Every structure is written in structure tokens, then in C-alpha cells.
N, C-alpha and C. Protein backbone atom coordinates (compact mmCIF):
# COMPACT_ATOMS: atom_id res chain seq x y z
N MET A 1 118.98 119.88 75.82
CA MET A 1 117.75 119.77 76.09
C MET A 1 117.02 118.35 75.59
N LEU A 2 117.53 118.41 74.38
CA LEU A 2 117.00 116.90 73.88
C LEU A 2 117.29 115.54 74.85
N ARG A 3 118.17 115.39 75.79
CA ARG A 3 119.10 114.30 76.70
C ARG A 3 118.39 114.64 77.73
N ARG A 4 118.02 115.84 78.38
CA ARG A 4 117.21 116.06 79.64
C ARG A 4 115.99 115.27 79.09
N GLY A 5 115.30 115.03 78.03
CA GLY A 5 113.79 115.22 77.61
C GLY A 5 113.73 113.49 78.05
N LEU A 6 114.60 113.16 77.15
CA LEU A 6 114.71 111.72 77.18
C LEU A 6 115.11 110.98 78.38
N VAL A 7 116.08 111.42 78.80
CA VAL A 7 116.57 111.07 80.67
C VAL A 7 114.84 111.15 81.12
N ALA A 8 114.35 112.01 81.55
CA ALA A 8 113.16 112.34 82.38
C ALA A 8 112.44 111.10 81.85
N ALA A 9 111.89 110.80 80.60
CA ALA A 9 110.72 110.18 79.23
C ALA A 9 111.28 108.36 80.22
N LEU A 10 112.37 108.13 79.78
CA LEU A 10 113.01 106.60 80.57
C LEU A 10 112.38 106.46 81.87
N LEU A 11 113.28 107.28 82.59
CA LEU A 11 113.02 107.77 84.26
C LEU A 11 111.72 107.55 84.61
N ALA A 12 111.06 108.10 84.37
CA ALA A 12 109.20 107.47 83.92
C ALA A 12 109.12 106.50 83.61
N ALA A 13 109.25 106.32 82.80
CA ALA A 13 109.09 105.15 81.62
C ALA A 13 109.38 103.44 83.13
N GLY A 14 110.25 103.96 83.14
CA GLY A 14 111.62 102.10 84.28
C GLY A 14 110.78 102.84 86.24
N LEU A 15 109.68 103.93 86.34
CA LEU A 15 108.97 104.08 87.47
C LEU A 15 107.65 103.09 87.13
N LEU A 16 106.61 103.75 86.30
CA LEU A 16 105.37 102.99 85.42
C LEU A 16 105.64 101.71 85.94
N ALA A 17 106.60 101.06 84.95
CA ALA A 17 107.52 99.54 85.14
C ALA A 17 107.25 99.26 86.05
N ALA A 18 108.42 99.32 87.55
CA ALA A 18 108.80 99.21 88.59
C ALA A 18 107.23 99.02 89.22
N THR A 19 106.61 100.11 89.20
CA THR A 19 104.99 100.17 90.22
C THR A 19 104.12 98.91 89.52
N ALA A 20 104.24 98.79 88.33
CA ALA A 20 102.80 98.23 87.65
C ALA A 20 102.77 96.84 88.65
N ALA A 21 101.94 96.54 88.99
CA ALA A 21 100.93 94.48 89.26
C ALA A 21 101.03 94.47 87.94
N PRO A 22 101.86 92.73 88.53
CA PRO A 22 102.12 91.70 87.46
C PRO A 22 100.60 91.55 87.19
N VAL A 23 101.08 91.22 86.28
CA VAL A 23 100.01 90.56 85.00
C VAL A 23 99.40 88.80 85.28
N GLN A 24 98.05 88.54 84.62
CA GLN A 24 97.84 86.91 84.95
C GLN A 24 97.06 86.73 84.37
N ALA A 25 97.03 85.61 83.96
CA ALA A 25 96.09 85.42 82.24
C ALA A 25 94.42 85.16 83.62
N ILE A 26 93.88 85.42 82.72
CA ILE A 26 92.30 84.88 82.97
C ILE A 26 91.68 83.24 83.48
N PRO A 27 91.25 82.60 84.23
CA PRO A 27 91.15 81.30 83.85
C PRO A 27 90.13 81.02 82.81
N PRO A 28 90.00 79.86 82.02
CA PRO A 28 88.77 79.66 81.64
C PRO A 28 87.52 79.37 82.80
N GLY A 29 86.48 79.75 82.45
CA GLY A 29 85.45 79.48 83.69
C GLY A 29 85.34 80.78 84.39
N GLU A 30 84.21 80.57 84.86
CA GLU A 30 83.42 81.63 85.73
C GLU A 30 84.16 81.30 86.92
N SER A 31 84.82 83.02 87.44
CA SER A 31 85.49 82.99 88.93
C SER A 31 84.64 83.88 89.30
N LEU A 32 85.52 84.27 90.81
CA LEU A 32 85.43 85.31 91.89
C LEU A 32 86.39 85.59 91.36
N ILE A 33 86.70 87.35 91.77
CA ILE A 33 88.48 87.35 91.24
C ILE A 33 88.04 88.73 92.74
N VAL A 34 89.49 87.99 93.13
CA VAL A 34 89.52 89.11 94.47
C VAL A 34 90.77 90.17 94.60
N LEU A 35 91.06 91.35 95.17
CA LEU A 35 91.67 91.81 94.85
C LEU A 35 91.94 92.25 97.02
N ALA A 36 93.15 91.43 97.33
CA ALA A 36 93.59 91.29 98.62
C ALA A 36 94.88 92.41 98.39
N TYR A 37 94.61 93.33 99.53
CA TYR A 37 95.84 95.04 99.74
C TYR A 37 96.72 94.58 101.02
N PHE A 38 97.46 94.93 100.53
CA PHE A 38 98.79 94.65 101.76
C PHE A 38 99.55 96.22 102.50
N SER A 39 99.85 95.72 103.79
CA SER A 39 100.02 97.10 103.79
C SER A 39 101.67 97.13 104.01
N ASP A 40 102.14 96.21 103.50
CA ASP A 40 104.25 95.55 103.57
C ASP A 40 104.11 95.29 102.02
N PRO A 41 105.13 95.26 101.57
CA PRO A 41 105.83 94.82 100.21
C PRO A 41 105.97 93.28 100.25
N GLU A 42 106.53 92.76 101.99
CA GLU A 42 106.44 90.90 102.23
C GLU A 42 105.15 90.71 101.66
N LYS A 43 103.92 91.58 101.91
CA LYS A 43 102.53 91.19 101.80
C LYS A 43 102.47 90.02 102.97
N THR A 44 102.41 90.41 104.58
CA THR A 44 102.02 89.32 105.17
C THR A 44 100.93 90.02 105.99
N GLN A 45 100.75 91.35 105.79
CA GLN A 45 99.61 91.75 106.79
C GLN A 45 98.66 92.59 106.10
N ILE A 46 97.39 91.55 105.52
CA ILE A 46 95.99 92.01 105.25
C ILE A 46 95.77 93.37 105.24
N ILE A 47 95.37 94.38 104.74
CA ILE A 47 94.85 95.55 105.23
C ILE A 47 93.26 96.11 104.64
N GLY A 48 93.11 94.30 103.33
CA GLY A 48 91.63 94.98 102.68
C GLY A 48 91.81 94.38 101.77
N GLN A 49 90.28 94.11 100.66
CA GLN A 49 89.77 93.07 100.33
C GLN A 49 88.13 93.66 98.78
N GLN A 50 88.73 93.12 97.71
CA GLN A 50 87.38 93.43 96.99
C GLN A 50 87.50 92.43 96.56
N TRP A 51 86.04 92.00 95.53
CA TRP A 51 85.77 90.99 95.59
C TRP A 51 84.22 91.89 94.17
N TYR A 52 84.58 90.20 93.44
CA TYR A 52 83.51 90.82 92.13
C TYR A 52 83.20 89.11 91.21
N GLY A 53 82.01 88.89 91.07
CA GLY A 53 81.72 87.88 89.72
C GLY A 53 81.08 86.24 90.48
N CYS A 54 81.03 85.54 89.90
CA CYS A 54 79.76 84.25 90.70
C CYS A 54 78.63 84.76 90.22
N GLY A 55 78.26 85.48 89.52
CA GLY A 55 77.18 86.51 89.71
C GLY A 55 76.25 87.44 91.11
N GLN A 56 77.11 87.69 92.42
CA GLN A 56 77.50 87.97 93.14
C GLN A 56 77.79 89.57 93.27
N PRO A 57 76.56 90.22 94.14
CA PRO A 57 77.48 91.63 94.43
C PRO A 57 78.46 91.69 95.02
N PRO A 58 79.10 92.88 94.00
CA PRO A 58 80.67 93.40 94.73
C PRO A 58 80.39 93.72 95.86
N GLY A 59 81.50 93.29 96.49
CA GLY A 59 81.79 93.74 97.77
C GLY A 59 83.27 94.32 98.46
N SER A 60 83.60 94.55 99.46
CA SER A 60 84.74 95.39 99.99
C SER A 60 84.26 94.90 101.20
N TRP A 61 85.68 95.54 102.19
CA TRP A 61 86.36 95.89 103.47
C TRP A 61 87.64 96.46 103.96
N GLY A 62 87.57 97.49 104.33
CA GLY A 62 88.86 97.60 105.30
C GLY A 62 89.32 98.36 104.12
N VAL A 63 90.88 98.68 103.66
CA VAL A 63 92.22 99.82 103.54
C VAL A 63 91.57 99.35 101.69
N LEU A 64 91.35 100.22 100.63
CA LEU A 64 91.51 99.08 99.32
C LEU A 64 92.57 100.08 98.69
N GLY A 65 93.55 99.68 99.62
CA GLY A 65 95.36 100.82 98.63
C GLY A 65 96.13 99.84 99.69
N GLY A 66 97.48 100.07 98.82
CA GLY A 66 98.11 99.86 99.11
C GLY A 66 99.27 98.62 98.26
N TYR A 67 99.70 97.69 98.56
CA TYR A 67 100.44 96.06 98.60
C TYR A 67 99.44 95.20 97.64
N ARG A 68 99.02 95.54 96.16
CA ARG A 68 98.42 93.79 96.28
C ARG A 68 98.13 92.98 95.36
N THR A 69 97.47 91.95 96.05
CA THR A 69 97.53 90.04 94.80
C THR A 69 96.46 90.03 94.24
N LEU A 70 96.00 89.82 93.21
CA LEU A 70 95.10 89.72 92.88
C LEU A 70 94.79 87.39 92.33
N TYR A 71 93.84 87.37 92.54
CA TYR A 71 93.27 86.32 93.37
C TYR A 71 91.91 85.52 91.92
N PHE A 72 92.42 84.46 91.69
CA PHE A 72 91.29 83.95 90.97
C PHE A 72 90.46 83.21 91.65
N THR A 73 89.76 82.49 92.40
CA THR A 73 88.75 81.36 93.02
C THR A 73 88.20 80.94 92.09
N PRO A 74 87.67 79.31 91.43
CA PRO A 74 86.50 79.28 90.88
C PRO A 74 85.46 79.45 91.79
N CYS A 75 84.07 79.45 90.76
CA CYS A 75 82.97 79.42 92.03
C CYS A 75 82.17 78.73 92.29
């Protein structure tokens, strides 16, 4: 019983680690932060974006789900 619980916990932790977005350091200074969403893991077809920063109102377009990439663009 304990063994099953341990295996389930390890599988859950592995699944969470495999699906988490990669961590990127935030560059110094003010930046426009853009999240780009793609339909495929190779990230060849963009399907939406979200952005905020640089003293502008946040915005978005398209589908806000799928495979994502985080970009930092200087203001």
C-alpha cells in the first residue's frame, strides 16, 4: 500500500515537472513581457499572444492556451 502511494507521488511529481514552463531570468530594466502561444510542440504555428508592461495597458489576441514561450522585449 505504501509502495503504491510512493509510486503515485513520484509519477505526479514527474508529470508536473515535465509540463512546467521553463524558468527564465527577468532582465534588468523595464520590459514588455509577451507570452506567445503555439499549436504544436515545435512552435511553428502561433495561435495567440498576451502582453503587458512598458506602462501600456495589457492586451491579448487569439487562443491563450497550448504550448507557450515567454519573451522579454526592452521598452
